[in-house]
C-alpha atoms as a PDB file:
ATOM      1  CA  MET A   1      29.465  -0.242 -11.376  1.00  0.00           C
ATOM      2  CA  ARG A   2      27.241  -1.990 -13.477  1.00  0.00           C
ATOM      3  CA  LEU A   3      24.321  -0.651 -11.199  1.00  0.00           C
ATOM      4  CA  ILE A   4      25.332   3.102 -11.511  1.00  0.00           C
ATOM      5  CA  ARG A   5      25.554   2.672 -15.216  1.00  0.00           C
ATOM      6  CA  LEU A   6      21.911   1.208 -15.074  1.00  0.00           C
ATOM      7  CA  THR A   7      20.582   4.021 -12.934  1.00  0.00           C
ATOM      8  CA  LEU A   8      22.214   6.471 -14.695  1.00  0.00           C
ATOM      9  CA  GLY A   9      20.933   5.353 -17.577  1.00  0.00           C
ATOM     10  CA  LEU A  10      17.270   5.117 -16.457  1.00  0.00           C
ATOM     11  CA  THR A  11      17.659   8.561 -14.623  1.00  0.00           C
ATOM     12  CA  LEU A  12      18.682   9.981 -18.343  1.00  0.00           C
ATOM     13  CA  CYS A  13      15.989   8.113 -20.138  1.00  0.00           C
ATOM     14  CA  SER A  14      13.464   9.897 -17.383  1.00  0.00           C
ATOM     15  CA  ILE A  15      14.600  12.832 -17.733  1.00  0.00           C
ATOM     16  CA  GLY A  16      14.339  12.827 -21.591  1.00  0.00           C
ATOM     17  CA  ILE A  17      10.950  11.788 -21.155  1.00  0.00           C
ATOM     18  CA  VAL A  18       9.719  14.435 -19.119  1.00  0.00           C
ATOM     19  CA  LEU A  19      11.241  16.677 -21.604  1.00  0.00           C
ATOM     20  CA  THR A  20       9.173  15.320 -24.117  1.00  0.00           C
ATOM     21  CA  LEU A  21       5.588  15.491 -21.642  1.00  0.00           C
ATOM     22  CA  ARG A  22       6.794  19.391 -21.040  1.00  0.00           C
ATOM     23  CA  ALA A  23       7.398  20.129 -24.744  1.00  0.00           C
ATOM     24  CA  ASN A  24       3.194  20.174 -24.837  1.00  0.00           C
ATOM     25  CA  ILE A  25       3.063  19.172 -28.770  1.00  0.00           C
ATOM     26  CA  GLY A  26       1.429  15.826 -28.312  1.00  0.00           C
ATOM     27  CA  TYR A  27       3.216  12.797 -26.507  1.00  0.00           C
ATOM     28  CA  SER A  28       4.955   9.788 -27.780  1.00  0.00           C
ATOM     29  CA  PRO A  29       2.953   6.654 -28.561  1.00  0.00           C
ATOM     30  CA  TRP A  30       3.872   4.759 -25.044  1.00  0.00           C
ATOM     31  CA  ASP A  31       3.703   8.095 -23.092  1.00  0.00           C
ATOM     32  CA  ALA A  32      -0.040   8.838 -24.969  1.00  0.00           C
ATOM     33  CA  PHE A  33      -0.766   5.236 -23.950  1.00  0.00           C
ATOM     34  CA  HIS A  34      -0.005   6.170 -20.448  1.00  0.00           C
ATOM     35  CA  ASP A  35      -1.585   9.200 -20.251  1.00  0.00           C
ATOM     36  CA  GLY A  36      -4.624   7.727 -21.318  1.00  0.00           C
ATOM     37  CA  VAL A  37      -4.650   5.375 -18.985  1.00  0.00           C
ATOM     38  CA  ALA A  38      -3.917   8.060 -16.218  1.00  0.00           C
ATOM     39  CA  GLY A  39      -6.391  10.373 -17.205  1.00  0.00           C
ATOM     40  CA  THR A  40      -9.135   7.130 -17.300  1.00  0.00           C
ATOM     41  CA  THR A  41      -7.965   5.516 -13.926  1.00  0.00           C
ATOM     42  CA  GLY A  42      -6.976   9.205 -12.438  1.00  0.00           C
ATOM     43  CA  MET A  43      -3.479   7.887 -11.665  1.00  0.00           C
ATOM     44  CA  THR A  44      -0.660  10.043 -12.072  1.00  0.00           C
ATOM     45  CA  ILE A  45       1.277   9.055 -15.619  1.00  0.00           C
ATOM     46  CA  GLY A  46       4.143   7.709 -13.719  1.00  0.00           C
ATOM     47  CA  MET A  47       2.006   5.170 -12.166  1.00  0.00           C
ATOM     48  CA  ALA A  48       0.341   4.368 -15.161  1.00  0.00           C
ATOM     49  CA  SER A  49       3.348   3.967 -16.724  1.00  0.00           C
ATOM     50  CA  ILE A  50       4.081   1.549 -13.716  1.00  0.00           C
ATOM     51  CA  VAL A  51       1.127  -0.598 -14.024  1.00  0.00           C
ATOM     52  CA  VAL A  52       0.874  -0.960 -17.902  1.00  0.00           C
ATOM     53  CA  GLY A  53       4.744  -2.240 -17.616  1.00  0.00           C
ATOM     54  CA  ILE A  54       3.257  -4.918 -15.048  1.00  0.00           C
ATOM     55  CA  VAL A  55       1.071  -5.974 -17.267  1.00  0.00           C
ATOM     56  CA  ILE A  56       3.561  -6.025 -20.139  1.00  0.00           C
ATOM     57  CA  LEU A  57       5.823  -8.225 -17.771  1.00  0.00           C
ATOM     58  CA  ALA A  58       3.234 -10.908 -17.240  1.00  0.00           C
ATOM     59  CA  ILE A  59       2.649 -11.280 -20.780  1.00  0.00           C
ATOM     60  CA  VAL A  60       6.152 -11.527 -21.670  1.00  0.00           C
ATOM     61  CA  ALA A  61       6.750 -14.175 -18.481  1.00  0.00           C
ATOM     62  CA  ILE A  62       3.878 -16.070 -19.583  1.00  0.00           C
ATOM     63  CA  MET A  63       5.458 -16.228 -23.503  1.00  0.00           C
ATOM     64  CA  LYS A  64       8.509 -17.242 -21.614  1.00  0.00           C
ATOM     65  CA  GLU A  65      11.002 -14.200 -22.582  1.00  0.00           C
ATOM     66  CA  LYS A  66      13.831 -13.696 -20.200  1.00  0.00           C
ATOM     67  CA  LEU A  67      13.504 -11.283 -17.704  1.00  0.00           C
ATOM     68  CA  GLY A  68      16.117  -9.291 -15.945  1.00  0.00           C
ATOM     69  CA  LEU A  69      17.005  -6.744 -13.284  1.00  0.00           C
ATOM     70  CA  GLY A  70      16.868  -3.981 -15.940  1.00  0.00           C
ATOM     71  CA  THR A  71      14.033  -5.065 -16.860  1.00  0.00           C
ATOM     72  CA  ILE A  72      12.201  -4.475 -13.241  1.00  0.00           C
ATOM     73  CA  LEU A  73      14.300  -1.592 -12.758  1.00  0.00           C
ATOM     74  CA  ASN A  74      13.066   0.125 -15.663  1.00  0.00           C
ATOM     75  CA  MET A  75       9.633  -0.434 -15.158  1.00  0.00           C
ATOM     76  CA  ILE A  76       9.961   0.736 -11.737  1.00  0.00           C
ATOM     77  CA  LEU A  77      12.627   3.569 -11.163  1.00  0.00           C
ATOM     78  CA  ILE A  78      11.485   5.174 -14.720  1.00  0.00           C
ATOM     79  CA  GLY A  79       7.887   5.581 -13.195  1.00  0.00           C
ATOM     80  CA  PHE A  80       8.484   6.992 -10.257  1.00  0.00           C
ATOM     81  CA  GLN A  81      10.889   9.218 -11.537  1.00  0.00           C
ATOM     82  CA  ILE A  82       8.810  10.606 -14.164  1.00  0.00           C
ATOM     83  CA  ASP A  83       6.007  11.718 -11.035  1.00  0.00           C
ATOM     84  CA  PHE A  84       8.898  13.448  -8.888  1.00  0.00           C
ATOM     85  CA  LEU A  85      10.000  15.341 -12.241  1.00  0.00           C
ATOM     86  CA  LEU A  86       6.912  16.876 -12.623  1.00  0.00           C
ATOM     87  CA  ASN A  87       5.838  17.129  -9.082  1.00  0.00           C
ATOM     88  CA  ILE A  88       8.743  19.275  -8.558  1.00  0.00           C
ATOM     89  CA  ASN A  89       8.004  21.543 -12.109  1.00  0.00           C
ATOM     90  CA  LEU A  90      12.030  21.882 -12.487  1.00  0.00           C
ATOM     91  CA  ILE A  91      10.984  21.569 -16.295  1.00  0.00           C
ATOM     92  CA  PRO A  92       8.640  24.195 -17.846  1.00  0.00           C
ATOM     93  CA  LEU A  93       5.502  23.769 -19.867  1.00  0.00           C
ATOM     94  CA  ALA A  94       6.637  24.760 -23.666  1.00  0.00           C
ATOM     95  CA  ASP A  95       4.219  27.182 -24.766  1.00  0.00           C
ATOM     96  CA  GLY A  96       4.218  26.467 -28.816  1.00  0.00           C
ATOM     97  CA  LEU A  97       6.121  24.746 -31.530  1.00  0.00           C
ATOM     98  CA  VAL A  98       9.231  27.045 -31.404  1.00  0.00           C
ATOM     99  CA  ILE A  99      10.299  25.895 -28.027  1.00  0.00           C
ATOM    100  CA  GLY A 100       8.450  22.380 -27.887  1.00  0.00           C
ATOM    101  CA  ILE A 101      10.105  21.417 -31.058  1.00  0.00           C
ATOM    102  CA  PRO A 102      13.196  21.499 -29.536  1.00  0.00           C
ATOM    103  CA  MET A 103      12.719  20.507 -26.337  1.00  0.00           C
ATOM    104  CA  LEU A 104      11.283  17.428 -28.046  1.00  0.00           C
ATOM    105  CA  ILE A 105      14.360  16.164 -29.925  1.00  0.00           C
ATOM    106  CA  THR A 106      16.417  17.370 -26.624  1.00  0.00           C
ATOM    107  CA  GLY A 107      14.612  14.889 -24.919  1.00  0.00           C
ATOM    108  CA  MET A 108      14.745  12.069 -27.560  1.00  0.00           C
ATOM    109  CA  LEU A 109      18.685  12.909 -27.539  1.00  0.00           C
ATOM    110  CA  THR A 110      18.579  12.415 -23.816  1.00  0.00           C
ATOM    111  CA  ILE A 111      17.235   8.949 -24.235  1.00  0.00           C
ATOM    112  CA  GLY A 112      19.467   7.861 -26.537  1.00  0.00           C
ATOM    113  CA  PHE A 113      22.259   8.591 -24.225  1.00  0.00           C
ATOM    114  CA  GLY A 114      20.200   7.159 -21.277  1.00  0.00           C
ATOM    115  CA  SER A 115      19.827   3.627 -23.611  1.00  0.00           C
ATOM    116  CA  TYR A 116      23.739   3.698 -24.190  1.00  0.00           C
ATOM    117  CA  PHE A 117      24.070   3.417 -20.165  1.00  0.00           C
ATOM    118  CA  TYR A 118      21.246   1.230 -19.457  1.00  0.00           C
ATOM    119  CA  ILE A 119      21.248  -1.176 -22.276  1.00  0.00           C
ATOM    120  CA  GLY A 120      25.545  -1.437 -21.571  1.00  0.00           C
ATOM    121  CA  ALA A 121      24.761  -2.180 -18.232  1.00  0.00           C
ATOM    122  CA  GLY A 122      23.396  -5.831 -19.767  1.00  0.00           C
ATOM    123  CA  PHE A 123      20.977  -6.552 -17.153  1.00  0.00           C
ATOM    124  CA  GLY A 124      18.188  -7.033 -19.905  1.00  0.00           C
ATOM    125  CA  ALA A 125      15.867  -4.648 -22.042  1.00  0.00           C
ATOM    126  CA  GLY A 126      12.711  -2.936 -20.342  1.00  0.00           C
ATOM    127  CA  PRO A 127       9.143  -3.876 -20.397  1.00  0.00           C
ATOM    128  CA  ARG A 128       8.078  -2.810 -23.666  1.00  0.00           C
ATOM    129  CA  ASP A 129      11.592  -3.775 -25.396  1.00  0.00           C
ATOM    130  CA  SER A 130      11.075  -7.395 -24.288  1.00  0.00           C
ATOM    131  CA  LEU A 131       7.275  -7.171 -25.450  1.00  0.00           C
ATOM    132  CA  MET A 132       8.486  -6.347 -29.046  1.00  0.00           C
ATOM    133  CA  VAL A 133      11.363  -9.262 -28.664  1.00  0.00           C
ATOM    134  CA  VAL A 134       8.374 -11.625 -27.989  1.00  0.00           C
ATOM    135  CA  LEU A 135       5.931 -10.557 -31.030  1.00  0.00           C
ATOM    136  CA  MET A 136       9.026 -10.706 -33.269  1.00  0.00           C
ATOM    137  CA  ARG A 137       9.517 -14.306 -31.987  1.00  0.00           C
ATOM    138  CA  ILE A 138       5.915 -15.332 -32.897  1.00  0.00           C
ATOM    139  CA  THR A 139       5.641 -13.394 -36.234  1.00  0.00           C
ATOM    140  CA  LYS A 140       9.039 -13.554 -37.242  1.00  0.00           C
ATOM    141  CA  LYS A 141       8.801 -10.403 -38.347  1.00  0.00           C
ATOM    142  CA  SER A 142      11.617  -7.369 -38.776  1.00  0.00           C
ATOM    143  CA  ALA A 143      12.310  -5.556 -35.142  1.00  0.00           C
ATOM    144  CA  GLY A 144      10.624  -2.319 -37.226  1.00  0.00           C
ATOM    145  CA  ILE A 145       7.631  -3.944 -38.025  1.00  0.00           C
ATOM    146  CA  CYS A 146       7.040  -4.887 -34.688  1.00  0.00           C
ATOM    147  CA  ARG A 147       7.441  -1.944 -33.266  1.00  0.00           C
ATOM    148  CA  ALA A 148       5.619  -0.178 -35.233  1.00  0.00           C
ATOM    149  CA  THR A 149       2.784  -2.365 -34.495  1.00  0.00           C
ATOM    150  CA  VAL A 150       3.055  -2.455 -30.988  1.00  0.00           C
ATOM    151  CA  GLU A 151       3.527   1.358 -31.032  1.00  0.00           C
ATOM    152  CA  CYS A 152       0.754   2.241 -33.107  1.00  0.00           C
ATOM    153  CA  MET A 153      -1.894  -0.104 -31.252  1.00  0.00           C
ATOM    154  CA  ALA A 154      -0.455   1.989 -28.206  1.00  0.00           C
ATOM    155  CA  VAL A 155      -1.257   5.789 -29.601  1.00  0.00           C
ATOM    156  CA  VAL A 156      -4.612   4.217 -31.213  1.00  0.00           C
ATOM    157  CA  VAL A 157      -5.936   3.286 -27.686  1.00  0.00           C
ATOM    158  CA  GLY A 158      -4.265   6.070 -25.986  1.00  0.00           C
ATOM    159  CA  TRP A 159      -6.219   8.541 -27.825  1.00  0.00           C
ATOM    160  CA  LEU A 160      -8.962   6.756 -27.712  1.00  0.00           C
ATOM    161  CA  LEU A 161      -8.693   7.469 -23.811  1.00  0.00           C
ATOM    162  CA  GLY A 162      -8.026  10.815 -24.069  1.00  0.00           C
ATOM    163  CA  GLY A 163      -3.797  10.658 -24.079  1.00  0.00           C
ATOM    164  CA  MET A 164      -2.468  13.247 -25.343  1.00  0.00           C
ATOM    165  CA  VAL A 165      -1.582  13.093 -29.324  1.00  0.00           C
ATOM    166  CA  GLY A 166      -0.475  15.774 -31.615  1.00  0.00           C
ATOM    167  CA  ILE A 167       2.898  16.334 -33.862  1.00  0.00           C
ATOM    168  CA  GLY A 168       4.693  15.514 -31.192  1.00  0.00           C
ATOM    169  CA  THR A 169       3.460  12.035 -31.180  1.00  0.00           C
ATOM    170  CA  VAL A 170       4.432  11.758 -35.434  1.00  0.00           C
ATOM    171  CA  ILE A 171       7.907  13.269 -34.712  1.00  0.00           C
ATOM    172  CA  ALA A 172       8.605  11.099 -31.808  1.00  0.00           C
ATOM    173  CA  ALA A 173       7.549   7.960 -33.151  1.00  0.00           C
ATOM    174  CA  PHE A 174      10.075   8.308 -35.912  1.00  0.00           C
ATOM    175  CA  GLY A 175      12.371  10.490 -33.727  1.00  0.00           C
ATOM    176  CA  ILE A 176      13.332   8.257 -30.533  1.00  0.00           C
ATOM    177  CA  GLY A 177      14.678   5.728 -32.347  1.00  0.00           C
ATOM    178  CA  LEU A 178      16.715   7.672 -34.740  1.00  0.00           C
ATOM    179  CA  CYS A 179      18.178   9.455 -31.811  1.00  0.00           C
ATOM    180  CA  VAL A 180      19.049   6.339 -30.289  1.00  0.00           C
ATOM    181  CA  GLN A 181      21.082   5.515 -33.426  1.00  0.00           C
ATOM    182  CA  ILE A 182      22.990   8.851 -33.174  1.00  0.00           C
ATOM    183  CA  ALA A 183      23.730   8.335 -29.728  1.00  0.00           C
ATOM    184  CA  PHE A 184      24.951   5.152 -30.530  1.00  0.00           C
ATOM    185  CA  ARG A 185      26.857   6.297 -33.012  1.00  0.00           C
ATOM    186  CA  ILE A 186      28.210   8.987 -31.569  1.00  0.00           C
ATOM    187  CA  LEU A 187      29.613   6.686 -28.689  1.00  0.00           C
ATOM    188  CA  LYS A 188      30.603   3.615 -30.326  1.00  0.00           C
ATOM    189  CA  PHE A 189      28.387   1.191 -29.295  1.00  0.00           C
ATOM    190  CA  ASP A 190      27.323  -1.691 -30.460  1.00  0.00           C
ATOM    191  CA  ALA A 191      24.017  -2.836 -28.560  1.00  0.00           C
ATOM    192  CA  LYS A 192      23.828  -6.397 -30.174  1.00  0.00           C
ATOM    193  CA  ALA A 193      27.342  -7.305 -28.645  1.00  0.00           C
ATOM    194  CA  VAL A 194      26.059  -6.979 -25.225  1.00  0.00           C
ATOM    195  CA  VAL A 195      25.205 -10.051 -23.124  1.00  0.00           C
ATOM    196  CA  HIS A 196      22.409  -9.465 -20.992  1.00  0.00           C
ATOM    197  CA  GLU A 197      21.775 -11.563 -17.301  1.00  0.00           C
ATOM    198  CA  SER A 198      18.433 -13.063 -16.359  1.00  0.00           C
ATOM    199  CA  LEU A 199      17.537 -12.291 -12.960  1.00  0.00           C
ATOM    200  CA  THR A 200      18.106 -15.847 -12.889  1.00  0.00           C
ATOM    201  CA  ASP A 201      21.724 -15.365 -13.757  1.00  0.00           C
ATOM    202  CA  THR A 202      22.166 -12.176 -11.724  1.00  0.00           C
ATOM    203  CA  TYR A 203      20.893 -14.043  -8.614  1.00  0.00           C
ATOM    204  CA  ARG A 204      23.519 -16.666  -9.219  1.00  0.00           C
ATOM    205  CA  ILE A 205      26.657 -14.075  -9.637  1.00  0.00           C
ATOM    206  CA  ILE A 206      25.361 -12.790  -6.365  1.00  0.00           C
ATOM    207  CA  ILE A 207      25.709 -16.022  -4.782  1.00  0.00           C
ATOM    208  CA  LYS A 208      28.769 -17.267  -5.865  1.00  0.00           C
ATOM    209  CA  LYS A 209      30.935 -13.422  -5.138  1.00  0.00           C
ATOM    210  CA  SER A 210      28.948 -13.797  -1.389  1.00  0.00           C
ATOM    211  CA  ASN A 211      30.590 -17.260  -1.289  1.00  0.00           C
ATOM    212  CA  ALA A 212      33.967 -16.140  -2.446  1.00  0.00           C
ATOM    213  CA  LYS A 213      34.233 -13.612   0.120  1.00  0.00           C
ATOM    214  CA  ARG A 214      33.518 -16.207   3.131  1.00  0.00           C
END
């Protein structure tokens, strides 16, 4: 059931991300970076997201931050699902702010509810959130400051690489965190109360249950 919850959460996050992309008024900071990398290398935006995630995972692992099953699946599943949803063209491209802003807000709220299922599964934070945690540990600064620093760097590099930056980027930079908070409040979910498993913990639980069935 926890794996189902994790997969459902990541799928909702993927749908939410694609909604923000198809809003066509500027990508979120990280997606602007992924778009810049994709445009520079010729990769799809989903594949660029996976490659960037791998690099971040390597940095996080070097800094000895715990990685969980959710960390790995976040990187892989969301990247492939973004490309799939964009390829089937299920979500139309918005034409202007009148349609784009509601689409962007809907996407951010979808990400918020997806985060509820994904984080609640307890399989670890995503690569980018793990990077924020590492930065908090090193600098002793708040989550808000560290997140803002990382996202500002992502959007600047993304813009320099030709990523799509616009009014939607500004809205998303401030709005995604708010939408996640709204979703958690509606569902009465306390993310701080979740105890996340590392990959080692998950492996031990699987082995223990496997031995118990013999």
